[in-house]
């Protein structure tokens, strides 16, 4: 008997891929509320970023050892680890925690969704991406969406928070720089997980002296809610990163980029449910415009790897 098209069940492989998008998006989206909790008792952004890097480096190294793989330590590898550690972890993590300390979770997550747009702006002059009318329109919409958050005096709970919007925008620029470094590097001998391990150690090497000089150390073994949140952020980032790399291998970078929508939606929803955030009409309008702009800047051809796909990097 023939089946009606509407009653046909989606192929298991397709269902698994979409479930992966949802799970990865939920994992990364949950790091926003946990970040808000981590900074709630005054822990320094640099101190939290230090613990994230240390826990990630130790965990990744243990997994590498279990896989029987060693971390390459040639001069070019170390330069790569330090560059990615700075642009992909040390700088954006510290700035992200500053943003979460001063901005609503939902607004911060919305602004972080601009990473592909900022990457496109950086990639065009370097010849890594080609401009098109569709993508230029996407960038214009992204700028307009950010403007709707910044300009109206009633868009944020406190107008003085507007200056902190620069922090997540700087995070987007930093991640974009990491995307460009990875795209231009000749590191074909490094797999994604080895890269994560190396950049975690690179970030730790950069964050440790800053943490010591600024007195940002705190005792994570206190295991209060903020300390548990720091551990949870690290675990979620690593699980999401591994899932994201698997998803790219299974479906390509363009399909994997759909994770960004799930991350943004999860962050906004959890900010509302857990922290009672109530956004103005300007912020909701900005969310819709940013999502539309993000859709337009994504490459259309799945067979082409694009540097505008959001790079998986710890918050």
Protein backbone atom coordinates (compact mmCIF):
# COMPACT_ATOMS: atom_id res chain seq x y z
CA UNK A 1 0.00 0.00 0.00
CA UNK A 2 1.35 3.40 -0.95
CA UNK A 3 2.08 5.84 1.87
CA UNK A 4 0.80 9.38 1.79
CA UNK A 5 3.79 11.78 1.57
CA UNK A 6 2.67 13.59 4.71
CA UNK A 7 2.78 10.33 6.66
CA UNK A 8 6.27 9.30 5.60
CA UNK A 9 8.76 9.11 8.44
CA UNK A 10 11.97 11.11 8.08
CA UNK A 11 15.04 8.96 7.44
CA UNK A 12 16.82 8.09 10.69
CA UNK A 13 20.03 9.71 9.49
CA UNK A 14 18.29 13.02 8.86
CA UNK A 15 16.52 12.79 12.19
CA UNK A 16 19.83 12.16 13.97
CA UNK A 17 21.38 15.17 12.30
CA UNK A 18 18.57 17.50 13.36
CA UNK A 19 18.61 16.06 16.87
CA UNK A 20 22.36 16.74 16.96
CA UNK A 21 21.72 20.37 15.95
CA UNK A 22 19.21 20.69 18.79
CA UNK A 23 21.38 19.00 21.43
CA UNK A 24 24.52 20.94 20.49
CA UNK A 25 22.56 24.18 20.41
CA UNK A 26 21.05 23.44 23.82
CA UNK A 27 24.48 22.64 25.28
CA UNK A 28 26.08 25.83 24.01
CA UNK A 29 22.98 27.87 24.79
CA UNK A 30 23.06 26.70 28.41
CA UNK A 31 26.53 28.20 28.87
CA UNK A 32 24.94 31.67 28.80
CA UNK A 33 22.88 31.30 31.99
CA UNK A 34 25.73 29.39 33.64
CA UNK A 35 28.08 32.27 32.77
CA UNK A 36 25.65 34.70 34.41
CA UNK A 37 25.69 32.49 37.51
CA UNK A 38 29.50 32.19 37.46
CA UNK A 39 29.95 35.99 37.63
CA UNK A 40 27.11 36.51 40.12
CA UNK A 41 29.31 36.52 43.23
CA UNK A 42 32.04 38.74 41.83
CA UNK A 43 34.44 36.15 40.40
CA UNK A 44 36.78 37.86 37.95
CA UNK A 45 36.24 37.26 34.23
CA UNK A 46 39.93 36.43 33.86
CA UNK A 47 39.79 33.99 36.78
CA UNK A 48 36.81 32.16 35.30
CA UNK A 49 38.45 32.04 31.87
CA UNK A 50 41.62 30.65 33.51
CA UNK A 51 39.71 27.78 35.12
CA UNK A 52 37.87 27.07 31.88
CA UNK A 53 41.17 26.85 30.00
CA UNK A 54 42.87 24.70 32.67
CA UNK A 55 39.98 22.22 32.96
CA UNK A 56 39.63 22.02 29.17
CA UNK A 57 43.37 21.52 28.67
CA UNK A 58 43.60 18.74 31.27
CA UNK A 59 40.47 16.98 29.99
CA UNK A 60 41.52 17.21 26.34
CA UNK A 61 45.02 15.95 27.15
CA UNK A 62 43.59 12.97 29.06
CA UNK A 63 41.34 12.11 26.12
CA UNK A 64 44.27 12.47 23.71
CA UNK A 65 46.29 10.07 25.86
CA UNK A 66 43.46 7.53 25.87
CA UNK A 67 43.35 7.81 22.08
CA UNK A 68 47.10 7.18 21.94
CA UNK A 69 47.82 10.57 20.38
CA UNK A 70 50.36 13.17 21.33
CA UNK A 71 50.17 16.92 20.94
CA UNK A 72 52.61 18.14 18.25
CA UNK A 73 54.94 20.76 19.74
CA UNK A 74 56.87 22.12 16.78
CA UNK A 75 57.50 25.86 16.59
CA UNK A 76 54.74 26.38 14.01
CA UNK A 77 52.32 24.35 16.13
CA UNK A 78 53.04 26.39 19.24
CA UNK A 79 52.51 29.65 17.32
CA UNK A 80 49.19 28.25 16.06
CA UNK A 81 48.10 27.18 19.56
CA UNK A 82 48.94 30.60 21.00
CA UNK A 83 47.15 32.49 18.21
CA UNK A 84 44.03 30.34 18.48
CA UNK A 85 44.27 30.31 22.27
CA UNK A 86 44.29 34.12 22.32
CA UNK A 87 41.59 34.72 19.69
CA UNK A 88 39.44 31.66 20.38
CA UNK A 89 39.54 31.35 24.16
CA UNK A 90 41.54 33.77 26.34
CA UNK A 91 40.26 37.06 24.92
CA UNK A 92 36.67 36.15 23.99
CA UNK A 93 36.08 34.18 27.20
CA UNK A 94 37.19 37.08 29.37
CA UNK A 95 35.11 39.57 27.38
CA UNK A 96 32.08 37.26 27.38
CA UNK A 97 32.08 37.05 31.18
CA UNK A 98 32.33 40.83 31.40
CA UNK A 99 29.30 41.09 29.11
CA UNK A 100 27.29 38.56 31.11
CA UNK A 101 28.09 40.49 34.30
CA UNK A 102 26.51 43.67 32.91
CA UNK A 103 23.98 42.63 30.24
CA UNK A 104 20.94 40.35 30.17
CA UNK A 105 21.72 36.80 29.02
CA UNK A 106 19.35 37.09 26.05
CA UNK A 107 20.93 40.30 24.74
CA UNK A 108 24.47 38.92 25.10
CA UNK A 109 23.56 35.72 23.23
CA UNK A 110 21.89 37.73 20.46
CA UNK A 111 24.99 39.84 19.95
CA UNK A 112 27.27 36.79 19.96
CA UNK A 113 25.20 35.42 17.07
CA UNK A 114 26.84 38.09 14.91
CA UNK A 115 30.10 36.09 14.73
CA UNK A 116 29.52 34.89 11.11
CA UNK A 117 28.71 38.44 10.03
CA UNK A 118 31.86 39.88 11.57
CA UNK A 119 33.91 37.02 10.10
CA UNK A 120 32.56 37.87 6.67
CA UNK A 121 33.64 41.51 7.06
CA UNK A 122 37.15 40.38 7.98
CA UNK A 123 37.34 37.66 5.32
CA UNK A 124 36.40 39.79 2.31
CA UNK A 125 39.54 42.00 2.27
CA UNK A 126 41.66 38.87 2.66
CA UNK A 127 40.06 37.20 -0.35
CA UNK A 128 38.69 34.30 1.71
CA UNK A 129 35.04 35.09 0.88
CA UNK A 130 33.28 36.62 -2.11
CA UNK A 131 30.85 39.52 -1.65
CA UNK A 132 27.31 39.23 -2.99
CA UNK A 133 24.20 41.39 -2.81
CA UNK A 134 22.49 38.83 -0.58
CA UNK A 135 25.32 38.73 1.93
CA UNK A 136 25.78 42.51 1.93
CA UNK A 137 22.08 42.80 2.76
CA UNK A 138 22.60 40.31 5.58
CA UNK A 139 25.41 42.45 7.01
CA UNK A 140 23.26 45.57 6.76
CA UNK A 141 20.45 43.82 8.62
CA UNK A 142 22.90 42.68 11.29
CA UNK A 143 24.10 46.24 11.83
CA UNK A 144 20.50 47.44 11.98
CA UNK A 145 19.65 44.74 14.54
CA UNK A 146 22.54 45.79 16.78
CA UNK A 147 21.42 49.39 16.40
CA UNK A 148 17.96 48.51 17.67
CA UNK A 149 19.54 47.22 20.86
CA UNK A 150 21.93 50.13 21.33
CA UNK A 151 20.07 53.25 20.23
CA UNK A 152 16.56 53.28 21.75
CA UNK A 153 16.80 54.40 25.37
CA UNK A 154 14.17 51.88 26.40
CA UNK A 155 15.75 48.83 24.72
CA UNK A 156 17.77 47.76 27.81
CA UNK A 157 16.68 47.64 31.46
CA UNK A 158 19.32 50.28 32.20
CA UNK A 159 20.47 52.62 29.37
CA UNK A 160 23.94 52.77 30.97
CA UNK A 161 24.38 49.09 30.01
CA UNK A 162 24.68 50.07 26.35
CA UNK A 163 28.45 50.60 26.59
CA UNK A 164 28.88 46.91 27.50
CA UNK A 165 27.42 45.90 24.15
CA UNK A 166 30.94 46.56 22.84
CA UNK A 167 32.16 43.49 24.77
CA UNK A 168 30.17 40.80 22.88
CA UNK A 169 30.86 42.62 19.61
CA UNK A 170 34.58 42.43 20.43
CA UNK A 171 34.07 38.73 21.20
CA UNK A 172 32.58 38.28 17.73
CA UNK A 173 35.60 40.04 16.22
CA UNK A 174 37.99 37.83 18.21
CA UNK A 175 36.29 34.59 17.15
CA UNK A 176 36.30 35.88 13.59
CA UNK A 177 40.05 36.34 13.83
CA UNK A 178 40.37 32.74 15.01
CA UNK A 179 38.27 31.60 12.04
CA UNK A 180 40.63 33.43 9.69
CA UNK A 181 43.75 32.01 11.38
CA UNK A 182 42.40 28.46 11.07
CA UNK A 183 41.34 29.03 7.45
CA UNK A 184 44.77 30.39 6.45
CA UNK A 185 46.89 27.99 8.50
CA UNK A 186 48.59 24.96 7.03
CA UNK A 187 47.77 22.61 9.88
CA UNK A 188 46.41 19.62 7.99
CA UNK A 189 48.27 17.31 10.38
CA UNK A 190 46.09 18.48 13.28
CA UNK A 191 42.63 17.09 13.80
CA UNK A 192 39.87 19.21 15.39
CA UNK A 193 40.26 17.66 18.85
CA UNK A 194 44.04 18.04 18.77
CA UNK A 195 43.48 21.69 17.83
CA UNK A 196 41.14 22.10 20.81
CA UNK A 197 43.76 20.56 23.11
CA UNK A 198 46.53 22.78 21.77
CA UNK A 199 44.54 26.03 21.87
CA UNK A 200 43.41 25.25 25.43
CA UNK A 201 47.05 25.01 26.54
CA UNK A 202 47.83 28.14 24.52
CA UNK A 203 45.02 30.03 26.24
CA UNK A 204 46.17 28.77 29.63
CA UNK A 205 49.72 30.00 28.97
CA UNK A 206 48.37 33.45 28.14
CA UNK A 207 45.80 33.66 30.93
CA UNK A 208 47.95 32.42 33.81
CA UNK A 209 50.26 35.47 34.08
CA UNK A 210 47.31 37.84 33.66
CA UNK A 211 45.42 35.98 36.38
CA UNK A 212 48.40 36.18 38.74
CA UNK A 213 49.13 39.86 38.08
CA UNK A 214 45.50 40.93 38.48
CA UNK A 215 44.85 38.73 41.52
CA UNK A 216 41.94 37.01 39.75
CA UNK A 217 42.49 33.61 41.36
CA UNK A 218 39.58 32.01 43.21
CA UNK A 219 39.23 28.58 44.84
CA UNK A 220 37.14 26.44 42.52
CA UNK A 221 37.05 23.64 45.11
CA UNK A 222 34.59 25.72 47.16
CA UNK A 223 32.01 24.03 44.90
CA UNK A 224 29.36 26.66 45.48
CA UNK A 225 26.87 27.38 42.65
CA UNK A 226 29.25 29.77 40.82
CA UNK A 227 32.13 27.28 40.98
CA UNK A 228 29.92 24.43 39.81
CA UNK A 229 28.75 26.70 36.99
CA UNK A 230 32.38 27.17 35.84
CA UNK A 231 32.86 23.39 35.72
CA UNK A 232 29.55 22.99 33.90
CA UNK A 233 30.50 25.59 31.29
CA UNK A 234 33.72 23.72 30.53
CA UNK A 235 31.95 20.36 30.24
CA UNK A 236 29.17 21.73 28.02
CA UNK A 237 31.65 23.51 25.76
CA UNK A 238 33.68 20.35 25.23
CA UNK A 239 30.63 18.16 24.59
CA UNK A 240 29.21 20.74 22.18
CA UNK A 241 32.56 21.14 20.44
CA UNK A 242 32.91 17.40 19.89
CA UNK A 243 29.33 17.20 18.64
CA UNK A 244 29.83 20.16 16.33
CA UNK A 245 32.91 18.61 14.76
CA UNK A 246 30.98 15.33 14.29
CA UNK A 247 28.13 17.25 12.69
CA UNK A 248 30.47 19.01 10.24
CA UNK A 249 31.89 15.62 9.25
CA UNK A 250 28.42 14.14 8.74
CA UNK A 251 26.60 17.02 7.05
CA UNK A 252 29.11 19.74 6.16
CA UNK A 253 29.76 23.22 7.61
CA UNK A 254 26.67 24.88 6.12
CA UNK A 255 24.23 22.45 7.75
CA UNK A 256 26.25 22.57 10.98
CA UNK A 257 25.86 26.35 11.03
CA UNK A 258 22.18 25.83 11.91
CA UNK A 259 23.46 25.20 15.44
CA UNK A 260 23.75 28.97 15.78
CA UNK A 261 19.99 29.42 15.70
CA UNK A 262 19.50 26.81 18.43
CA UNK A 263 22.17 28.48 20.58
CA UNK A 264 20.53 31.89 20.27
CA UNK A 265 17.03 30.57 20.92
CA UNK A 266 18.16 28.55 23.93
CA UNK A 267 20.05 31.45 25.49
CA UNK A 268 17.13 33.88 25.09
CA UNK A 269 14.60 31.35 26.40
CA UNK A 270 16.69 30.32 29.43
CA UNK A 271 17.41 33.96 30.27
CA UNK A 272 13.66 34.53 30.39
CA UNK A 273 12.87 31.39 32.39
CA UNK A 274 15.77 31.38 34.85
CA UNK A 275 16.46 35.08 35.38
CA UNK A 276 13.06 36.56 34.64
CA UNK A 277 14.43 38.69 31.81
CA UNK A 278 11.80 40.74 30.02
CA UNK A 279 12.93 42.31 26.77
CA UNK A 280 11.53 45.42 25.12
CA UNK A 281 9.90 45.35 21.69
CA UNK A 282 13.16 46.79 20.32
CA UNK A 283 15.17 43.79 21.50
CA UNK A 284 12.64 41.29 20.10
CA UNK A 285 12.70 43.14 16.78
CA UNK A 286 16.50 43.05 16.86
CA UNK A 287 16.42 39.28 17.41
CA UNK A 288 14.27 38.74 14.32
CA UNK A 289 16.43 41.01 12.20
CA UNK A 290 19.67 39.40 13.40
CA UNK A 291 18.35 35.91 12.61
CA UNK A 292 17.34 37.07 9.12
CA UNK A 293 20.73 38.69 8.59
CA UNK A 294 22.50 35.53 9.77
CA UNK A 295 20.46 33.48 7.29
CA UNK A 296 21.52 35.73 4.43
CA UNK A 297 25.25 35.73 5.19
CA UNK A 298 25.50 31.94 5.35
CA UNK A 299 26.92 30.36 2.16
CA UNK A 300 24.38 28.56 0.00
CA UNK A 301 26.57 25.80 -1.39
CA UNK A 302 27.05 22.97 1.11
CA UNK A 303 30.04 21.57 -0.69
CA UNK A 304 32.05 24.70 -0.04
CA UNK A 305 33.65 25.12 3.32
CA UNK A 306 33.22 28.69 4.42
CA UNK A 307 35.02 30.65 7.10
CA UNK A 308 31.71 32.31 8.01
CA UNK A 309 30.44 29.13 9.63
CA UNK A 310 30.60 29.81 13.37
CA UNK A 311 33.81 28.41 14.79
CA UNK A 312 33.25 26.14 17.76
CA UNK A 313 35.09 27.77 20.57
CA UNK A 314 34.57 27.83 24.31
CA UNK A 315 32.66 30.78 25.68
